[in-house]
Amino acid sequence: FIGTSRSDWQGRCLSLGKLYSRQPRRQFPLKNTKKRGFTLPEIIIVLTILAIMTAIVTPQYTGRLQKERFDNALYQLQGDLRWAQSQAKSRGELVKVAFYPSAGRDSYRITALTTAQLLKSVMLPQGVTVNYYGTTEIIFQSNGAILQNGHFTLASNGRKRYVYFYQT
C-alpha cells in the first residue's frame, strides 16, 4: 500500500472484507441508569428516628451521670474524713476539716491546726452542695476522736445523704 492515496487504501481494505472496515463507534448502554443515593423522605425518616432515640437516651444518661458524680463525691468525702482522722493520729495533732460554701461549687479543706499546714483541698462536683447543721467544721483530736458532734447533708438534684459525726 505504499505510495497509494488514502482513498485507494480504504478501498482495498474494504475489499478485504469487514475485518478492516471502519465502523461507527458502538455505544454501550449503562447497565444501571438509576442515580444512586438517598431520597429526601428517606433522609427525613432516618433523622427523625435518630432524634427520637437521642431524646429517649439523653435524660437517662444525664441522670446517671449526675448520680455518679454525687456518689463519687460522697465516697471521696467519706474517705477524706477517715484520712483526716488517721492524719490526726499519726501526726499527734489536731486536724480540721472545714467546709466552704460558694455560689459556684462548695469545697472543703483539711488542715493540721498546730502547724497550720494545708493537707488537702477539694472542690465538690458542680451541683453537689453541703448543708450544715451546727458547725461547718470537723476537728479530729490527736487520738482520732471528734472534738464536737454535728451533721451535714450532701445534696444534689433531689438526692440527699446525711453524714453524722459524734464522739464515741
C-alpha atoms as a PDB file:
ATOM      1  CA  PHE A   1       0.000   0.000   0.000  1.00  0.00           C
ATOM      2  CA  ILE A   2       2.969   2.270  -0.156  1.00  0.00           C
ATOM      3  CA  GLY A   3       2.619   5.184  -2.500  1.00  0.00           C
ATOM      4  CA  THR A   4      -1.110   4.951  -2.753  1.00  0.00           C
ATOM      5  CA  SER A   5      -3.572   7.554  -1.754  1.00  0.00           C
ATOM      6  CA  ARG A   6      -5.769   7.274   1.230  1.00  0.00           C
ATOM      7  CA  SER A   7      -8.879   6.604  -0.777  1.00  0.00           C
ATOM      8  CA  ASP A   8      -7.053   3.794  -2.522  1.00  0.00           C
ATOM      9  CA  TRP A   9      -6.055   2.263   0.759  1.00  0.00           C
ATOM     10  CA  GLN A  10      -9.588   2.456   2.167  1.00  0.00           C
ATOM     11  CA  GLY A  11     -10.907   0.849  -0.948  1.00  0.00           C
ATOM     12  CA  ARG A  12      -8.523  -2.031  -0.724  1.00  0.00           C
ATOM     13  CA  CYS A  13      -9.257  -2.511   2.946  1.00  0.00           C
ATOM     14  CA  LEU A  14     -12.928  -2.637   2.248  1.00  0.00           C
ATOM     15  CA  SER A  15     -12.334  -5.146  -0.477  1.00  0.00           C
ATOM     16  CA  LEU A  16     -10.676  -7.471   2.012  1.00  0.00           C
ATOM     17  CA  GLY A  17     -13.866  -7.644   3.987  1.00  0.00           C
ATOM     18  CA  LYS A  18     -15.370  -6.138   7.047  1.00  0.00           C
ATOM     19  CA  LEU A  19     -12.365  -7.059   9.108  1.00  0.00           C
ATOM     20  CA  TYR A  20     -10.591  -3.797   8.311  1.00  0.00           C
ATOM     21  CA  SER A  21     -13.545  -1.583   7.695  1.00  0.00           C
ATOM     22  CA  ARG A  22     -14.201   1.360   9.905  1.00  0.00           C
ATOM     23  CA  GLN A  23     -17.463   1.058  11.704  1.00  0.00           C
ATOM     24  CA  PRO A  24     -19.071   3.780  13.781  1.00  0.00           C
ATOM     25  CA  ARG A  25     -18.234   3.559  17.461  1.00  0.00           C
ATOM     26  CA  ARG A  26     -20.665   1.385  19.303  1.00  0.00           C
ATOM     27  CA  GLN A  27     -22.222   2.943  22.385  1.00  0.00           C
ATOM     28  CA  PHE A  28     -22.988   0.541  25.170  1.00  0.00           C
ATOM     29  CA  PRO A  29     -25.996   1.366  27.323  1.00  0.00           C
ATOM     30  CA  LEU A  30     -25.281   1.710  31.052  1.00  0.00           C
ATOM     31  CA  LYS A  31     -26.363  -1.318  32.992  1.00  0.00           C
ATOM     32  CA  ASN A  32     -27.886   0.753  35.847  1.00  0.00           C
ATOM     33  CA  THR A  33     -29.131   4.083  34.657  1.00  0.00           C
ATOM     34  CA  LYS A  34     -30.608   4.987  38.093  1.00  0.00           C
ATOM     35  CA  LYS A  35     -28.706   7.531  40.137  1.00  0.00           C
ATOM     36  CA  ARG A  36     -27.530   6.178  43.442  1.00  0.00           C
ATOM     37  CA  GLY A  37     -28.207   7.977  46.740  1.00  0.00           C
ATOM     38  CA  PHE A  38     -30.925   8.614  49.285  1.00  0.00           C
ATOM     39  CA  THR A  39     -34.157  10.397  48.661  1.00  0.00           C
ATOM     40  CA  LEU A  40     -35.292  13.266  50.841  1.00  0.00           C
ATOM     41  CA  PRO A  41     -38.056  11.241  52.578  1.00  0.00           C
ATOM     42  CA  GLU A  42     -35.543   8.517  53.467  1.00  0.00           C
ATOM     43  CA  ILE A  43     -33.169  11.051  54.998  1.00  0.00           C
ATOM     44  CA  ILE A  44     -36.007  12.695  56.953  1.00  0.00           C
ATOM     45  CA  ILE A  45     -37.151   9.320  58.336  1.00  0.00           C
ATOM     46  CA  VAL A  46     -33.621   8.387  59.467  1.00  0.00           C
ATOM     47  CA  LEU A  47     -33.085  11.796  61.106  1.00  0.00           C
ATOM     48  CA  THR A  48     -36.447  11.530  62.871  1.00  0.00           C
ATOM     49  CA  ILE A  49     -35.543   8.106  64.266  1.00  0.00           C
ATOM     50  CA  LEU A  50     -32.167   9.434  65.469  1.00  0.00           C
ATOM     51  CA  ALA A  51     -33.838  12.444  67.122  1.00  0.00           C
ATOM     52  CA  ILE A  52     -36.318  10.191  68.955  1.00  0.00           C
ATOM     53  CA  MET A  53     -33.569   7.871  70.148  1.00  0.00           C
ATOM     54  CA  THR A  54     -31.495  10.838  71.346  1.00  0.00           C
ATOM     55  CA  ALA A  55     -34.478  12.287  73.198  1.00  0.00           C
ATOM     56  CA  ILE A  56     -35.007   8.976  74.990  1.00  0.00           C
ATOM     57  CA  VAL A  57     -31.360   8.267  75.880  1.00  0.00           C
ATOM     58  CA  THR A  58     -30.095  11.739  76.839  1.00  0.00           C
ATOM     59  CA  PRO A  59     -32.141  12.241  80.052  1.00  0.00           C
ATOM     60  CA  GLN A  60     -31.217   8.763  81.261  1.00  0.00           C
ATOM     61  CA  TYR A  61     -27.560   9.421  80.565  1.00  0.00           C
ATOM     62  CA  THR A  62     -27.560  12.832  82.262  1.00  0.00           C
ATOM     63  CA  GLY A  63     -29.403  11.484  85.287  1.00  0.00           C
ATOM     64  CA  ARG A  64     -26.969   8.626  85.588  1.00  0.00           C
ATOM     65  CA  LEU A  65     -24.007  10.969  85.177  1.00  0.00           C
ATOM     66  CA  GLN A  66     -25.316  13.237  87.972  1.00  0.00           C
ATOM     67  CA  LYS A  67     -25.887  10.193  90.196  1.00  0.00           C
ATOM     68  CA  GLU A  68     -22.324   9.003  89.568  1.00  0.00           C
ATOM     69  CA  ARG A  69     -20.895  12.441  90.372  1.00  0.00           C
ATOM     70  CA  PHE A  70     -22.909  12.578  93.583  1.00  0.00           C
ATOM     71  CA  ASP A  71     -21.889   9.062  94.663  1.00  0.00           C
ATOM     72  CA  ASN A  72     -18.229   9.762  93.851  1.00  0.00           C
ATOM     73  CA  ALA A  73     -18.328  13.000  95.878  1.00  0.00           C
ATOM     74  CA  LEU A  74     -19.874  11.138  98.827  1.00  0.00           C
ATOM     75  CA  TYR A  75     -17.279   8.342  98.709  1.00  0.00           C
ATOM     76  CA  GLN A  76     -14.436  10.815  98.369  1.00  0.00           C
ATOM     77  CA  LEU A  77     -15.726  12.835 101.343  1.00  0.00           C
ATOM     78  CA  GLN A  78     -16.030   9.686 103.494  1.00  0.00           C
ATOM     79  CA  GLY A  79     -12.524   8.629 102.517  1.00  0.00           C
ATOM     80  CA  ASP A  80     -11.123  12.093 103.207  1.00  0.00           C
ATOM     81  CA  LEU A  81     -12.754  12.181 106.659  1.00  0.00           C
ATOM     82  CA  ARG A  82     -11.146   8.824 107.503  1.00  0.00           C
ATOM     83  CA  TRP A  83      -7.837  10.074 106.094  1.00  0.00           C
ATOM     84  CA  ALA A  84      -8.044  13.263 108.207  1.00  0.00           C
ATOM     85  CA  GLN A  85      -8.720  11.147 111.306  1.00  0.00           C
ATOM     86  CA  SER A  86      -5.705   8.941 110.544  1.00  0.00           C
ATOM     87  CA  GLN A  87      -3.554  12.051 109.970  1.00  0.00           C
ATOM     88  CA  ALA A  88      -4.574  13.379 113.392  1.00  0.00           C
ATOM     89  CA  LYS A  89      -3.495  10.089 114.992  1.00  0.00           C
ATOM     90  CA  SER A  90      -0.236   9.732 113.073  1.00  0.00           C
ATOM     91  CA  ARG A  91       0.806  13.383 113.484  1.00  0.00           C
ATOM     92  CA  GLY A  92      -0.332  13.583 117.105  1.00  0.00           C
ATOM     93  CA  GLU A  93      -2.062  16.944 116.491  1.00  0.00           C
ATOM     94  CA  LEU A  94      -5.474  18.445 115.784  1.00  0.00           C
ATOM     95  CA  VAL A  95      -6.672  18.129 112.195  1.00  0.00           C
ATOM     96  CA  LYS A  96      -9.578  20.212 110.931  1.00  0.00           C
ATOM     97  CA  VAL A  97     -11.916  19.523 108.008  1.00  0.00           C
ATOM     98  CA  ALA A  98     -13.597  22.844 107.148  1.00  0.00           C
ATOM     99  CA  PHE A  99     -16.376  23.285 104.594  1.00  0.00           C
ATOM    100  CA  TYR A 100     -16.599  26.405 102.448  1.00  0.00           C
ATOM    101  CA  PRO A 101     -19.832  27.165 100.618  1.00  0.00           C
ATOM    102  CA  SER A 102     -19.638  29.185  97.440  1.00  0.00           C
ATOM    103  CA  ALA A 103     -22.049  30.293  94.726  1.00  0.00           C
ATOM    104  CA  GLY A 104     -20.476  28.010  92.128  1.00  0.00           C
ATOM    105  CA  ARG A 105     -19.067  24.951  93.892  1.00  0.00           C
ATOM    106  CA  ASP A 106     -18.738  24.000  97.535  1.00  0.00           C
ATOM    107  CA  SER A 107     -15.359  22.848  98.793  1.00  0.00           C
ATOM    108  CA  TYR A 108     -13.589  21.610 101.887  1.00  0.00           C
ATOM    109  CA  ARG A 109     -10.054  21.822 103.224  1.00  0.00           C
ATOM    110  CA  ILE A 110      -8.160  19.557 105.566  1.00  0.00           C
ATOM    111  CA  THR A 111      -5.658  21.423 107.727  1.00  0.00           C
ATOM    112  CA  ALA A 112      -3.256  20.445 110.505  1.00  0.00           C
ATOM    113  CA  LEU A 113      -4.062  23.056 113.178  1.00  0.00           C
ATOM    114  CA  THR A 114      -0.854  23.025 115.209  1.00  0.00           C
ATOM    115  CA  THR A 115       1.398  23.600 112.202  1.00  0.00           C
ATOM    116  CA  ALA A 116      -1.299  25.431 110.150  1.00  0.00           C
ATOM    117  CA  GLN A 117      -0.348  23.210 107.222  1.00  0.00           C
ATOM    118  CA  LEU A 118      -2.902  22.676 104.462  1.00  0.00           C
ATOM    119  CA  LEU A 119      -3.023  18.933 103.902  1.00  0.00           C
ATOM    120  CA  LYS A 120      -5.700  18.744 101.235  1.00  0.00           C
ATOM    121  CA  SER A 121      -8.174  20.973  99.396  1.00  0.00           C
ATOM    122  CA  VAL A 122     -11.126  19.501  97.480  1.00  0.00           C
ATOM    123  CA  MET A 123     -13.787  21.091  95.264  1.00  0.00           C
ATOM    124  CA  LEU A 124     -17.075  19.209  95.158  1.00  0.00           C
ATOM    125  CA  PRO A 125     -18.552  18.485  91.716  1.00  0.00           C
ATOM    126  CA  GLN A 126     -20.878  21.037  90.128  1.00  0.00           C
ATOM    127  CA  GLY A 127     -24.386  20.764  91.611  1.00  0.00           C
ATOM    128  CA  VAL A 128     -23.319  18.931  94.787  1.00  0.00           C
ATOM    129  CA  THR A 129     -23.920  21.071  97.863  1.00  0.00           C
ATOM    130  CA  VAL A 130     -23.269  20.706 101.575  1.00  0.00           C
ATOM    131  CA  ASN A 131     -25.949  21.813 104.055  1.00  0.00           C
ATOM    132  CA  TYR A 132     -24.638  22.306 107.593  1.00  0.00           C
ATOM    133  CA  TYR A 133     -26.359  21.685 110.894  1.00  0.00           C
ATOM    134  CA  GLY A 134     -24.437  23.059 113.802  1.00  0.00           C
ATOM    135  CA  THR A 135     -20.836  23.529 112.741  1.00  0.00           C
ATOM    136  CA  THR A 136     -19.124  23.918 109.359  1.00  0.00           C
ATOM    137  CA  GLU A 137     -16.009  22.103 110.508  1.00  0.00           C
ATOM    138  CA  ILE A 138     -14.980  18.783 111.966  1.00  0.00           C
ATOM    139  CA  ILE A 139     -11.951  18.700 114.249  1.00  0.00           C
ATOM    140  CA  PHE A 140     -10.152  15.439 114.985  1.00  0.00           C
ATOM    141  CA  GLN A 141      -8.084  15.240 118.164  1.00  0.00           C
ATOM    142  CA  SER A 142      -4.660  13.624 118.294  1.00  0.00           C
ATOM    143  CA  ASN A 143      -6.250  10.336 119.413  1.00  0.00           C
ATOM    144  CA  GLY A 144      -8.659  10.390 116.412  1.00  0.00           C
ATOM    145  CA  ALA A 145     -11.755  11.347 118.408  1.00  0.00           C
ATOM    146  CA  ILE A 146     -14.036  14.140 117.200  1.00  0.00           C
ATOM    147  CA  LEU A 147     -13.997  17.350 119.224  1.00  0.00           C
ATOM    148  CA  GLN A 148     -17.719  18.187 118.841  1.00  0.00           C
ATOM    149  CA  ASN A 149     -20.821  16.462 117.473  1.00  0.00           C
ATOM    150  CA  GLY A 150     -22.739  17.545 114.377  1.00  0.00           C
ATOM    151  CA  HIS A 151     -24.011  16.510 110.994  1.00  0.00           C
ATOM    152  CA  PHE A 152     -24.474  17.777 107.466  1.00  0.00           C
ATOM    153  CA  THR A 153     -26.184  16.664 104.289  1.00  0.00           C
ATOM    154  CA  LEU A 154     -24.685  16.234 100.894  1.00  0.00           C
ATOM    155  CA  ALA A 155     -27.351  17.055  98.294  1.00  0.00           C
ATOM    156  CA  SER A 156     -27.706  17.066  94.518  1.00  0.00           C
ATOM    157  CA  ASN A 157     -30.861  17.124  92.384  1.00  0.00           C
ATOM    158  CA  GLY A 158     -33.214  15.711  94.994  1.00  0.00           C
ATOM    159  CA  ARG A 159     -30.727  13.145  96.322  1.00  0.00           C
ATOM    160  CA  LYS A 160     -29.582  13.555  99.920  1.00  0.00           C
ATOM    161  CA  ARG A 161     -27.154  11.726 102.124  1.00  0.00           C
ATOM    162  CA  TYR A 162     -26.736  12.537 105.797  1.00  0.00           C
ATOM    163  CA  VAL A 163     -23.290  12.453 107.367  1.00  0.00           C
ATOM    164  CA  TYR A 164     -23.263  12.313 111.176  1.00  0.00           C
ATOM    165  CA  PHE A 165     -20.169  12.769 113.290  1.00  0.00           C
ATOM    166  CA  TYR A 166     -20.183  12.352 117.017  1.00  0.00           C
ATOM    167  CA  GLN A 167     -17.905  11.488 119.898  1.00  0.00           C
ATOM    168  CA  THR A 168     -17.744   7.850 120.920  1.00  0.00           C
END
